[in-house]
Amino acid sequence: MQQHIVEIVKFKLAISATEQDLMRVNTDFAPWIEQQPGLLYRSLSKDDQTDEYIDVFYWQSLAHAQAVSEQFPTTEVCKRLMLYTNSESVSISRSHIVTQTQCSG
């Protein structure tokens, strides 16, 4: 039985980056990530109290999440995204989904 995975990536912007920089590169990143096999859903949010961004990905399987992670460092749009990210602030967690509701959009 295949278990869906939620991947949570938290990060802050690089000192010289602005949210507008992030949103510009996100317009290229979003179509790329949406084309990746196994992606079910993605959302990007921001904690206004800590200025931390939370990128949440729902994957069909751990293998799908891992495959994208392997591509990430060598993919051009991902490299551009990392230019605006404080690399020391990045944390990634993955968990198996045990229950969920239907996404109503």
PDB file of N, CA and C in Angstrom:
ATOM      1  N   MET A   1       0.830  -1.184   0.000  1.00  0.00           N
ATOM      2  CA  MET A   1       0.000   0.000   0.000  1.00  0.00           C
ATOM      3  C   MET A   1       0.879   1.253   0.000  1.00  0.00           C
ATOM      4  N   GLN A   2       0.608   2.129  -0.932  1.00  0.00           N
ATOM      5  CA  GLN A   2       1.382   3.361  -1.074  1.00  0.00           C
ATOM      6  C   GLN A   2       0.866   4.418  -0.084  1.00  0.00           C
ATOM      7  N   GLN A   3       1.786   5.042   0.652  1.00  0.00           N
ATOM      8  CA  GLN A   3       1.396   6.083   1.602  1.00  0.00           C
ATOM      9  C   GLN A   3       1.782   7.446   1.059  1.00  0.00           C
ATOM     10  N   HIS A   4       0.826   8.361   1.117  1.00  0.00           N
ATOM     11  CA  HIS A   4       1.118   9.731   0.708  1.00  0.00           C
ATOM     12  C   HIS A   4       2.034  10.391   1.736  1.00  0.00           C
ATOM     13  N   ILE A   5       2.799  11.374   1.259  1.00  0.00           N
ATOM     14  CA  ILE A   5       3.800  12.057   2.072  1.00  0.00           C
ATOM     15  C   ILE A   5       3.501  13.552   2.073  1.00  0.00           C
ATOM     16  N   VAL A   6       3.658  14.180   3.229  1.00  0.00           N
ATOM     17  CA  VAL A   6       3.668  15.635   3.286  1.00  0.00           C
ATOM     18  C   VAL A   6       5.110  16.053   3.571  1.00  0.00           C
ATOM     19  N   GLU A   7       5.600  16.970   2.753  1.00  0.00           N
ATOM     20  CA  GLU A   7       6.952  17.496   2.899  1.00  0.00           C
ATOM     21  C   GLU A   7       6.828  18.975   3.251  1.00  0.00           C
ATOM     22  N   ILE A   8       7.459  19.381   4.330  1.00  0.00           N
ATOM     23  CA  ILE A   8       7.398  20.768   4.775  1.00  0.00           C
ATOM     24  C   ILE A   8       8.809  21.348   4.720  1.00  0.00           C
ATOM     25  N   VAL A   9       8.940  22.399   3.913  1.00  0.00           N
ATOM     26  CA  VAL A   9      10.220  23.088   3.765  1.00  0.00           C
ATOM     27  C   VAL A   9      10.053  24.487   4.350  1.00  0.00           C
ATOM     28  N   LYS A  10      10.844  24.792   5.382  1.00  0.00           N
ATOM     29  CA  LYS A  10      10.795  26.111   6.013  1.00  0.00           C
ATOM     30  C   LYS A  10      12.089  26.843   5.680  1.00  0.00           C
ATOM     31  N   PHE A  11      11.966  28.133   5.418  1.00  0.00           N
ATOM     32  CA  PHE A  11      13.147  28.927   5.095  1.00  0.00           C
ATOM     33  C   PHE A  11      12.866  30.414   5.286  1.00  0.00           C
ATOM     34  N   LYS A  12      13.950  31.168   5.389  1.00  0.00           N
ATOM     35  CA  LYS A  12      13.886  32.620   5.391  1.00  0.00           C
ATOM     36  C   LYS A  12      14.593  33.121   4.145  1.00  0.00           C
ATOM     37  N   LEU A  13      14.294  34.340   3.779  1.00  0.00           N
ATOM     38  CA  LEU A  13      14.937  34.936   2.616  1.00  0.00           C
ATOM     39  C   LEU A  13      16.384  35.294   2.925  1.00  0.00           C
ATOM     40  N   ALA A  14      17.204  35.285   1.895  1.00  0.00           N
ATOM     41  CA  ALA A  14      18.567  35.791   2.014  1.00  0.00           C
ATOM     42  C   ALA A  14      18.503  37.274   2.359  1.00  0.00           C
ATOM     43  N   ILE A  15      19.530  37.775   3.005  1.00  0.00           N
ATOM     44  CA  ILE A  15      19.538  39.163   3.471  1.00  0.00           C
ATOM     45  C   ILE A  15      19.243  40.150   2.345  1.00  0.00           C
ATOM     46  N   SER A  16      19.791  39.921   1.174  1.00  0.00           N
ATOM     47  CA  SER A  16      19.622  40.863   0.065  1.00  0.00           C
ATOM     48  C   SER A  16      18.345  40.629  -0.743  1.00  0.00           C
ATOM     49  N   ALA A  17      17.551  39.629  -0.396  1.00  0.00           N
ATOM     50  CA  ALA A  17      16.365  39.272  -1.179  1.00  0.00           C
ATOM     51  C   ALA A  17      15.106  39.915  -0.622  1.00  0.00           C
ATOM     52  N   THR A  18      14.155  40.119  -1.510  1.00  0.00           N
ATOM     53  CA  THR A  18      12.846  40.638  -1.118  1.00  0.00           C
ATOM     54  C   THR A  18      11.777  39.606  -1.448  1.00  0.00           C
ATOM     55  N   GLU A  19      10.611  39.797  -0.894  1.00  0.00           N
ATOM     56  CA  GLU A  19       9.507  38.891  -1.215  1.00  0.00           C
ATOM     57  C   GLU A  19       9.161  38.981  -2.700  1.00  0.00           C
ATOM     58  N   GLN A  20       9.319  40.156  -3.292  1.00  0.00           N
ATOM     59  CA  GLN A  20       9.066  40.304  -4.727  1.00  0.00           C
ATOM     60  C   GLN A  20      10.043  39.445  -5.537  1.00  0.00           C
ATOM     61  N   ASP A  21      11.309  39.368  -5.100  1.00  0.00           N
ATOM     62  CA  ASP A  21      12.277  38.485  -5.757  1.00  0.00           C
ATOM     63  C   ASP A  21      11.795  37.042  -5.710  1.00  0.00           C
ATOM     64  N   LEU A  22      11.349  36.626  -4.525  1.00  0.00           N
ATOM     65  CA  LEU A  22      10.871  35.256  -4.346  1.00  0.00           C
ATOM     66  C   LEU A  22       9.663  34.983  -5.238  1.00  0.00           C
ATOM     67  N   MET A  23       8.731  35.909  -5.295  1.00  0.00           N
ATOM     68  CA  MET A  23       7.522  35.707  -6.097  1.00  0.00           C
ATOM     69  C   MET A  23       7.847  35.676  -7.599  1.00  0.00           C
ATOM     70  N   ARG A  24       8.839  36.453  -8.019  1.00  0.00           N
ATOM     71  CA  ARG A  24       9.247  36.413  -9.433  1.00  0.00           C
ATOM     72  C   ARG A  24       9.774  35.038  -9.812  1.00  0.00           C
ATOM     73  N   VAL A  25      10.660  34.490  -8.997  1.00  0.00           N
ATOM     74  CA  VAL A  25      11.206  33.168  -9.325  1.00  0.00           C
ATOM     75  C   VAL A  25      10.145  32.087  -9.110  1.00  0.00           C
ATOM     76  N   ASN A  26       9.214  32.321  -8.205  1.00  0.00           N
ATOM     77  CA  ASN A  26       8.134  31.355  -7.985  1.00  0.00           C
ATOM     78  C   ASN A  26       7.261  31.200  -9.230  1.00  0.00           C
ATOM     79  N   THR A  27       7.133  32.257 -10.038  1.00  0.00           N
ATOM     80  CA  THR A  27       6.327  32.136 -11.262  1.00  0.00           C
ATOM     81  C   THR A  27       6.940  31.130 -12.233  1.00  0.00           C
ATOM     82  N   ASP A  28       8.251  30.908 -12.134  1.00  0.00           N
ATOM     83  CA  ASP A  28       8.908  29.876 -12.951  1.00  0.00           C
ATOM     84  C   ASP A  28       8.978  28.533 -12.217  1.00  0.00           C
ATOM     85  N   PHE A  29       9.137  28.587 -10.889  1.00  0.00           N
ATOM     86  CA  PHE A  29       9.238  27.358 -10.110  1.00  0.00           C
ATOM     87  C   PHE A  29       7.901  26.605 -10.076  1.00  0.00           C
ATOM     88  N   ALA A  30       6.802  27.329  -9.925  1.00  0.00           N
ATOM     89  CA  ALA A  30       5.486  26.683  -9.785  1.00  0.00           C
ATOM     90  C   ALA A  30       5.170  25.747 -10.956  1.00  0.00           C
ATOM     91  N   PRO A  31       5.320  26.194 -12.211  1.00  0.00           N
ATOM     92  CA  PRO A  31       5.040  25.252 -13.312  1.00  0.00           C
ATOM     93  C   PRO A  31       5.984  24.053 -13.323  1.00  0.00           C
ATOM     94  N   TRP A  32       7.250  24.280 -12.938  1.00  0.00           N
ATOM     95  CA  TRP A  32       8.203  23.165 -12.911  1.00  0.00           C
ATOM     96  C   TRP A  32       7.778  22.126 -11.883  1.00  0.00           C
ATOM     97  N   ILE A  33       7.466  22.572 -10.667  1.00  0.00           N
ATOM     98  CA  ILE A  33       7.116  21.619  -9.611  1.00  0.00           C
ATOM     99  C   ILE A  33       5.796  20.923  -9.930  1.00  0.00           C
ATOM    100  N   GLU A  34       4.869  21.638 -10.552  1.00  0.00           N
ATOM    101  CA  GLU A  34       3.569  21.040 -10.904  1.00  0.00           C
ATOM    102  C   GLU A  34       3.711  19.928 -11.933  1.00  0.00           C
ATOM    103  N   GLN A  35       4.790  19.948 -12.711  1.00  0.00           N
ATOM    104  CA  GLN A  35       5.022  18.914 -13.727  1.00  0.00           C
ATOM    105  C   GLN A  35       5.708  17.676 -13.163  1.00  0.00           C
ATOM    106  N   GLN A  36       6.138  17.725 -11.912  1.00  0.00           N
ATOM    107  CA  GLN A  36       6.891  16.611 -11.346  1.00  0.00           C
ATOM    108  C   GLN A  36       5.958  15.442 -11.032  1.00  0.00           C
ATOM    109  N   PRO A  37       6.345  14.243 -11.440  1.00  0.00           N
ATOM    110  CA  PRO A  37       5.524  13.068 -11.152  1.00  0.00           C
ATOM    111  C   PRO A  37       5.295  12.918  -9.652  1.00  0.00           C
ATOM    112  N   GLY A  38       4.063  12.623  -9.292  1.00  0.00           N
ATOM    113  CA  GLY A  38       3.734  12.344  -7.901  1.00  0.00           C
ATOM    114  C   GLY A  38       3.302  13.532  -7.079  1.00  0.00           C
ATOM    115  N   LEU A  39       3.406  14.760  -7.607  1.00  0.00           N
ATOM    116  CA  LEU A  39       2.962  15.915  -6.824  1.00  0.00           C
ATOM    117  C   LEU A  39       1.445  15.959  -6.809  1.00  0.00           C
ATOM    118  N   LEU A  40       0.881  16.038  -5.613  1.00  0.00           N
ATOM    119  CA  LEU A  40      -0.557  16.142  -5.454  1.00  0.00           C
ATOM    120  C   LEU A  40      -1.000  17.582  -5.226  1.00  0.00           C
ATOM    121  N   TYR A  41      -0.202  18.337  -4.455  1.00  0.00           N
ATOM    122  CA  TYR A  41      -0.597  19.694  -4.064  1.00  0.00           C
ATOM    123  C   TYR A  41       0.603  20.416  -3.478  1.00  0.00           C
ATOM    124  N   ARG A  42       0.640  21.733  -3.668  1.00  0.00           N
ATOM    125  CA  ARG A  42       1.689  22.562  -3.080  1.00  0.00           C
ATOM    126  C   ARG A  42       1.084  23.880  -2.629  1.00  0.00           C
ATOM    127  N   SER A  43       1.552  24.369  -1.490  1.00  0.00           N
ATOM    128  CA  SER A  43       1.177  25.712  -1.047  1.00  0.00           C
ATOM    129  C   SER A  43       2.399  26.374  -0.423  1.00  0.00           C
ATOM    130  N   LEU A  44       2.488  27.686  -0.583  1.00  0.00           N
ATOM    131  CA  LEU A  44       3.562  28.473   0.010  1.00  0.00           C
ATOM    132  C   LEU A  44       2.911  29.516   0.897  1.00  0.00           C
ATOM    133  N   SER A  45       3.337  29.562   2.145  1.00  0.00           N
ATOM    134  CA  SER A  45       2.781  30.537   3.085  1.00  0.00           C
ATOM    135  C   SER A  45       3.921  31.224   3.823  1.00  0.00           C
ATOM    136  N   LYS A  46       3.556  32.254   4.599  1.00  0.00           N
ATOM    137  CA  LYS A  46       4.562  33.015   5.329  1.00  0.00           C
ATOM    138  C   LYS A  46       4.054  33.298   6.734  1.00  0.00           C
ATOM    139  N   ASP A  47       4.918  33.078   7.706  1.00  0.00           N
ATOM    140  CA  ASP A  47       4.640  33.431   9.093  1.00  0.00           C
ATOM    141  C   ASP A  47       5.103  34.877   9.273  1.00  0.00           C
ATOM    142  N   ASP A  48       4.171  35.801   9.369  1.00  0.00           N
ATOM    143  CA  ASP A  48       4.522  37.218   9.447  1.00  0.00           C
ATOM    144  C   ASP A  48       5.242  37.589  10.740  1.00  0.00           C
ATOM    145  N   GLN A  49       5.128  36.764  11.760  1.00  0.00           N
ATOM    146  CA  GLN A  49       5.820  37.063  13.011  1.00  0.00           C
ATOM    147  C   GLN A  49       7.307  36.714  12.946  1.00  0.00           C
ATOM    148  N   THR A  50       7.643  35.666  12.212  1.00  0.00           N
ATOM    149  CA  THR A  50       9.047  35.227  12.140  1.00  0.00           C
ATOM    150  C   THR A  50       9.689  35.483  10.778  1.00  0.00           C
ATOM    151  N   ASP A  51       8.887  35.912   9.795  1.00  0.00           N
ATOM    152  CA  ASP A  51       9.338  36.082   8.405  1.00  0.00           C
ATOM    153  C   ASP A  51       9.823  34.773   7.797  1.00  0.00           C
ATOM    154  N   GLU A  52       9.332  33.661   8.310  1.00  0.00           N
ATOM    155  CA  GLU A  52       9.697  32.346   7.787  1.00  0.00           C
ATOM    156  C   GLU A  52       8.635  31.905   6.774  1.00  0.00           C
ATOM    157  N   TYR A  53       9.113  31.384   5.653  1.00  0.00           N
ATOM    158  CA  TYR A  53       8.223  30.843   4.625  1.00  0.00           C
ATOM    159  C   TYR A  53       8.064  29.349   4.861  1.00  0.00           C
ATOM    160  N   ILE A  54       6.872  28.856   4.570  1.00  0.00           N
ATOM    161  CA  ILE A  54       6.570  27.439   4.740  1.00  0.00           C
ATOM    162  C   ILE A  54       6.035  26.921   3.411  1.00  0.00           C
ATOM    163  N   ASP A  55       6.825  26.081   2.753  1.00  0.00           N
ATOM    164  CA  ASP A  55       6.458  25.493   1.469  1.00  0.00           C
ATOM    165  C   ASP A  55       6.021  24.057   1.749  1.00  0.00           C
ATOM    166  N   VAL A  56       4.765  23.750   1.473  1.00  0.00           N
ATOM    167  CA  VAL A  56       4.202  22.445   1.792  1.00  0.00           C
ATOM    168  C   VAL A  56       3.885  21.705   0.491  1.00  0.00           C
ATOM    169  N   PHE A  57       4.401  20.484   0.408  1.00  0.00           N
ATOM    170  CA  PHE A  57       4.191  19.640  -0.764  1.00  0.00           C
ATOM    171  C   PHE A  57       3.525  18.342  -0.321  1.00  0.00           C
ATOM    172  N   TYR A  58       2.508  17.931  -1.040  1.00  0.00           N
ATOM    173  CA  TYR A  58       1.894  16.623  -0.828  1.00  0.00           C
ATOM    174  C   TYR A  58       2.298  15.739  -2.002  1.00  0.00           C
ATOM    175  N   TRP A  59       2.885  14.585  -1.678  1.00  0.00           N
ATOM    176  CA  TRP A  59       3.396  13.656  -2.683  1.00  0.00           C
ATOM    177  C   TRP A  59       2.656  12.336  -2.613  1.00  0.00           C
ATOM    178  N   GLN A  60       2.588  11.654  -3.745  1.00  0.00           N
ATOM    179  CA  GLN A  60       1.976  10.327  -3.786  1.00  0.00           C
ATOM    180  C   GLN A  60       2.788   9.321  -2.991  1.00  0.00           C
ATOM    181  N   SER A  61       4.110   9.515  -2.940  1.00  0.00           N
ATOM    182  CA  SER A  61       4.955   8.556  -2.229  1.00  0.00           C
ATOM    183  C   SER A  61       6.266   9.214  -1.819  1.00  0.00           C
ATOM    184  N   LEU A  62       6.972   8.562  -0.925  1.00  0.00           N
ATOM    185  CA  LEU A  62       8.288   9.024  -0.519  1.00  0.00           C
ATOM    186  C   LEU A  62       9.245   9.001  -1.710  1.00  0.00           C
ATOM    187  N   ALA A  63       9.126   8.020  -2.563  1.00  0.00           N
ATOM    188  CA  ALA A  63       9.996   7.923  -3.742  1.00  0.00           C
ATOM    189  C   ALA A  63       9.846   9.148  -4.643  1.00  0.00           C
ATOM    190  N   HIS A  64       8.616   9.637  -4.795  1.00  0.00           N
ATOM    191  CA  HIS A  64       8.403  10.843  -5.605  1.00  0.00           C
ATOM    192  C   HIS A  64       9.088  12.048  -4.966  1.00  0.00           C
ATOM    193  N   ALA A  65       8.930  12.213  -3.669  1.00  0.00           N
ATOM    194  CA  ALA A  65       9.556  13.334  -2.961  1.00  0.00           C
ATOM    195  C   ALA A  65      11.075  13.263  -3.077  1.00  0.00           C
ATOM    196  N   GLN A  66      11.617  12.080  -2.907  1.00  0.00           N
ATOM    197  CA  GLN A  66      13.069  11.907  -2.983  1.00  0.00           C
ATOM    198  C   GLN A  66      13.600  12.171  -4.391  1.00  0.00           C
ATOM    199  N   ALA A  67      12.852  11.781  -5.403  1.00  0.00           N
ATOM    200  CA  ALA A  67      13.283  11.998  -6.787  1.00  0.00           C
ATOM    201  C   ALA A  67      13.412  13.491  -7.084  1.00  0.00           C
ATOM    202  N   VAL A  68      12.462  14.271  -6.611  1.00  0.00           N
ATOM    203  CA  VAL A  68      12.527  15.718  -6.833  1.00  0.00           C
ATOM    204  C   VAL A  68      13.678  16.325  -6.030  1.00  0.00           C
ATOM    205  N   SER A  69      13.883  15.852  -4.810  1.00  0.00           N
ATOM    206  CA  SER A  69      15.000  16.351  -4.000  1.00  0.00           C
ATOM    207  C   SER A  69      16.341  16.107  -4.679  1.00  0.00           C
ATOM    208  N   GLU A  70      16.464  14.984  -5.372  1.00  0.00           N
ATOM    209  CA  GLU A  70      17.702  14.675  -6.077  1.00  0.00           C
ATOM    210  C   GLU A  70      17.924  15.601  -7.268  1.00  0.00           C
ATOM    211  N   GLN A  71      16.847  16.017  -7.924  1.00  0.00           N
ATOM    212  CA  GLN A  71      16.939  16.915  -9.078  1.00  0.00           C
ATOM    213  C   GLN A  71      17.175  18.364  -8.670  1.00  0.00           C
ATOM    214  N   PHE A  72      16.710  18.729  -7.486  1.00  0.00           N
ATOM    215  CA  PHE A  72      16.662  20.121  -7.051  1.00  0.00           C
ATOM    216  C   PHE A  72      17.991  20.868  -7.203  1.00  0.00           C
ATOM    217  N   PRO A  73      19.114  20.348  -6.719  1.00  0.00           N
ATOM    218  CA  PRO A  73      20.363  21.119  -6.769  1.00  0.00           C
ATOM    219  C   PRO A  73      20.895  21.387  -8.174  1.00  0.00           C
ATOM    220  N   THR A  74      20.471  20.613  -9.158  1.00  0.00           N
ATOM    221  CA  THR A  74      21.015  20.764 -10.504  1.00  0.00           C
ATOM    222  C   THR A  74      20.021  21.354 -11.499  1.00  0.00           C
ATOM    223  N   THR A  75      18.827  21.693 -11.038  1.00  0.00           N
ATOM    224  CA  THR A  75      17.795  22.248 -11.913  1.00  0.00           C
ATOM    225  C   THR A  75      17.876  23.768 -11.882  1.00  0.00           C
ATOM    226  N   GLU A  76      17.905  24.393 -13.051  1.00  0.00           N
ATOM    227  CA  GLU A  76      18.146  25.830 -13.168  1.00  0.00           C
ATOM    228  C   GLU A  76      17.169  26.673 -12.345  1.00  0.00           C
ATOM    229  N   VAL A  77      15.891  26.411 -12.433  1.00  0.00           N
ATOM    230  CA  VAL A  77      14.925  27.229 -11.692  1.00  0.00           C
ATOM    231  C   VAL A  77      15.092  27.047 -10.183  1.00  0.00           C
ATOM    232  N   CYS A  78      15.489  25.875  -9.758  1.00  0.00           N
ATOM    233  CA  CYS A  78      15.730  25.627  -8.334  1.00  0.00           C
ATOM    234  C   CYS A  78      16.976  26.362  -7.857  1.00  0.00           C
ATOM    235  N   LYS A  79      17.993  26.409  -8.698  1.00  0.00           N
ATOM    236  CA  LYS A  79      19.197  27.174  -8.361  1.00  0.00           C
ATOM    237  C   LYS A  79      18.849  28.647  -8.185  1.00  0.00           C
ATOM    238  N   ARG A  80      17.988  29.173  -9.056  1.00  0.00           N
ATOM    239  CA  ARG A  80      17.571  30.583  -8.945  1.00  0.00           C
ATOM    240  C   ARG A  80      16.786  30.806  -7.658  1.00  0.00           C
ATOM    241  N   LEU A  81      15.940  29.865  -7.312  1.00  0.00           N
ATOM    242  CA  LEU A  81      15.179  29.965  -6.075  1.00  0.00           C
ATOM    243  C   LEU A  81      16.116  30.020  -4.873  1.00  0.00           C
ATOM    244  N   MET A  82      17.147  29.213  -4.894  1.00  0.00           N
ATOM    245  CA  MET A  82      18.091  29.168  -3.773  1.00  0.00           C
ATOM    246  C   MET A  82      18.908  30.454  -3.636  1.00  0.00           C
ATOM    247  N   LEU A  83      19.037  31.224  -4.702  1.00  0.00           N
ATOM    248  CA  LEU A  83      19.736  32.510  -4.608  1.00  0.00           C
ATOM    249  C   LEU A  83      19.050  33.460  -3.630  1.00  0.00           C
ATOM    250  N   TYR A  84      17.749  33.307  -3.472  1.00  0.00           N
ATOM    251  CA  TYR A  84      16.971  34.196  -2.612  1.00  0.00           C
ATOM    252  C   TYR A  84      16.687  33.592  -1.241  1.00  0.00           C
ATOM    253  N   THR A  85      17.265  32.445  -0.968  1.00  0.00           N
ATOM    254  CA  THR A  85      17.007  31.714   0.272  1.00  0.00           C
ATOM    255  C   THR A  85      18.231  31.749   1.181  1.00  0.00           C
ATOM    256  N   ASN A  86      18.010  31.980   2.446  1.00  0.00           N
ATOM    257  CA  ASN A  86      19.073  31.881   3.445  1.00  0.00           C
ATOM    258  C   ASN A  86      19.291  30.386   3.693  1.00  0.00           C
ATOM    259  N   SER A  87      20.356  29.836   3.138  1.00  0.00           N
ATOM    260  CA  SER A  87      20.560  28.384   3.187  1.00  0.00           C
ATOM    261  C   SER A  87      20.667  27.851   4.611  1.00  0.00           C
ATOM    262  N   GLU A  88      21.155  28.670   5.539  1.00  0.00           N
ATOM    263  CA  GLU A  88      21.274  28.226   6.933  1.00  0.00           C
ATOM    264  C   GLU A  88      19.915  28.105   7.620  1.00  0.00           C
ATOM    265  N   SER A  89      18.893  28.729   7.045  1.00  0.00           N
ATOM    266  CA  SER A  89      17.570  28.698   7.677  1.00  0.00           C
ATOM    267  C   SER A  89      16.698  27.548   7.182  1.00  0.00           C
ATOM    268  N   VAL A  90      17.141  26.823   6.170  1.00  0.00           N
ATOM    269  CA  VAL A  90      16.313  25.793   5.535  1.00  0.00           C
ATOM    270  C   VAL A  90      16.187  24.560   6.430  1.00  0.00           C
ATOM    271  N   SER A  91      14.942  24.138   6.630  1.00  0.00           N
ATOM    272  CA  SER A  91      14.686  22.854   7.296  1.00  0.00           C
ATOM    273  C   SER A  91      13.642  22.102   6.473  1.00  0.00           C
ATOM    274  N   ILE A  92      13.830  20.791   6.374  1.00  0.00           N
ATOM    275  CA  ILE A  92      12.937  19.948   5.579  1.00  0.00           C
ATOM    276  C   ILE A  92      12.500  18.774   6.427  1.00  0.00           C
ATOM    277  N   SER A  93      11.189  18.540   6.446  1.00  0.00           N
ATOM    278  CA  SER A  93      10.682  17.351   7.139  1.00  0.00           C
ATOM    279  C   SER A  93       9.695  16.639   6.216  1.00  0.00           C
ATOM    280  N   ARG A  94       9.641  15.338   6.358  1.00  0.00           N
ATOM    281  CA  ARG A  94       8.689  14.514   5.595  1.00  0.00           C
ATOM    282  C   ARG A  94       7.974  13.587   6.554  1.00  0.00           C
ATOM    283  N   SER A  95       6.678  13.460   6.346  1.00  0.00           N
ATOM    284  CA  SER A  95       5.859  12.603   7.198  1.00  0.00           C
ATOM    285  C   SER A  95       4.855  11.844   6.347  1.00  0.00           C
ATOM    286  N   HIS A  96       4.501  10.654   6.818  1.00  0.00           N
ATOM    287  CA  HIS A  96       3.431   9.884   6.181  1.00  0.00           C
ATOM    288  C   HIS A  96       2.095  10.446   6.635  1.00  0.00           C
ATOM    289  N   ILE A  97       1.197  10.626   5.697  1.00  0.00           N
ATOM    290  CA  ILE A  97      -0.139  11.126   6.020  1.00  0.00           C
ATOM    291  C   ILE A  97      -0.959   9.953   6.550  1.00  0.00           C
ATOM    292  N   VAL A  98      -1.538  10.151   7.712  1.00  0.00           N
ATOM    293  CA  VAL A  98      -2.328   9.077   8.314  1.00  0.00           C
ATOM    294  C   VAL A  98      -3.828   9.301   8.137  1.00  0.00           C
ATOM    295  N   THR A  99      -4.239  10.552   7.955  1.00  0.00           N
ATOM    296  CA  THR A  99      -5.648  10.843   7.656  1.00  0.00           C
ATOM    297  C   THR A  99      -5.709  12.227   7.036  1.00  0.00           C
ATOM    298  N   GLN A 100      -6.716  12.457   6.213  1.00  0.00           N
ATOM    299  CA  GLN A 100      -6.870  13.764   5.579  1.00  0.00           C
ATOM    300  C   GLN A 100      -8.308  13.975   5.143  1.00  0.00           C
ATOM    301  N   THR A 101      -8.641  15.222   4.894  1.00  0.00           N
ATOM    302  CA  THR A 101      -9.947  15.563   4.366  1.00  0.00           C
ATOM    303  C   THR A 101      -9.818  15.883   2.899  1.00  0.00           C
ATOM    304  N   GLN A 102     -10.904  15.957   2.202  1.00  0.00           N
ATOM    305  CA  GLN A 102     -10.898  16.321   0.801  1.00  0.00           C
ATOM    306  C   GLN A 102     -10.568  17.801   0.662  1.00  0.00           C
ATOM    307  N   CYS A 103      -9.693  18.162  -0.264  1.00  0.00           N
ATOM    308  CA  CYS A 103      -9.358  19.557  -0.525  1.00  0.00           C
ATOM    309  C   CYS A 103     -10.473  20.147  -1.378  1.00  0.00           C
ATOM    310  N   SER A 104     -11.099  21.198  -0.871  1.00  0.00           N
ATOM    311  CA  SER A 104     -12.237  21.766  -1.590  1.00  0.00           C
ATOM    312  C   SER A 104     -11.881  23.011  -2.387  1.00  0.00           C
ATOM    313  N   GLY A 105     -10.597  23.377  -2.377  1.00  0.00           N
ATOM    314  CA  GLY A 105     -10.112  24.470  -3.201  1.00  0.00           C
ATOM    315  C   GLY A 105     -10.450  25.792  -2.678  1.00  0.00           C
TER     316      GLY A 105
END
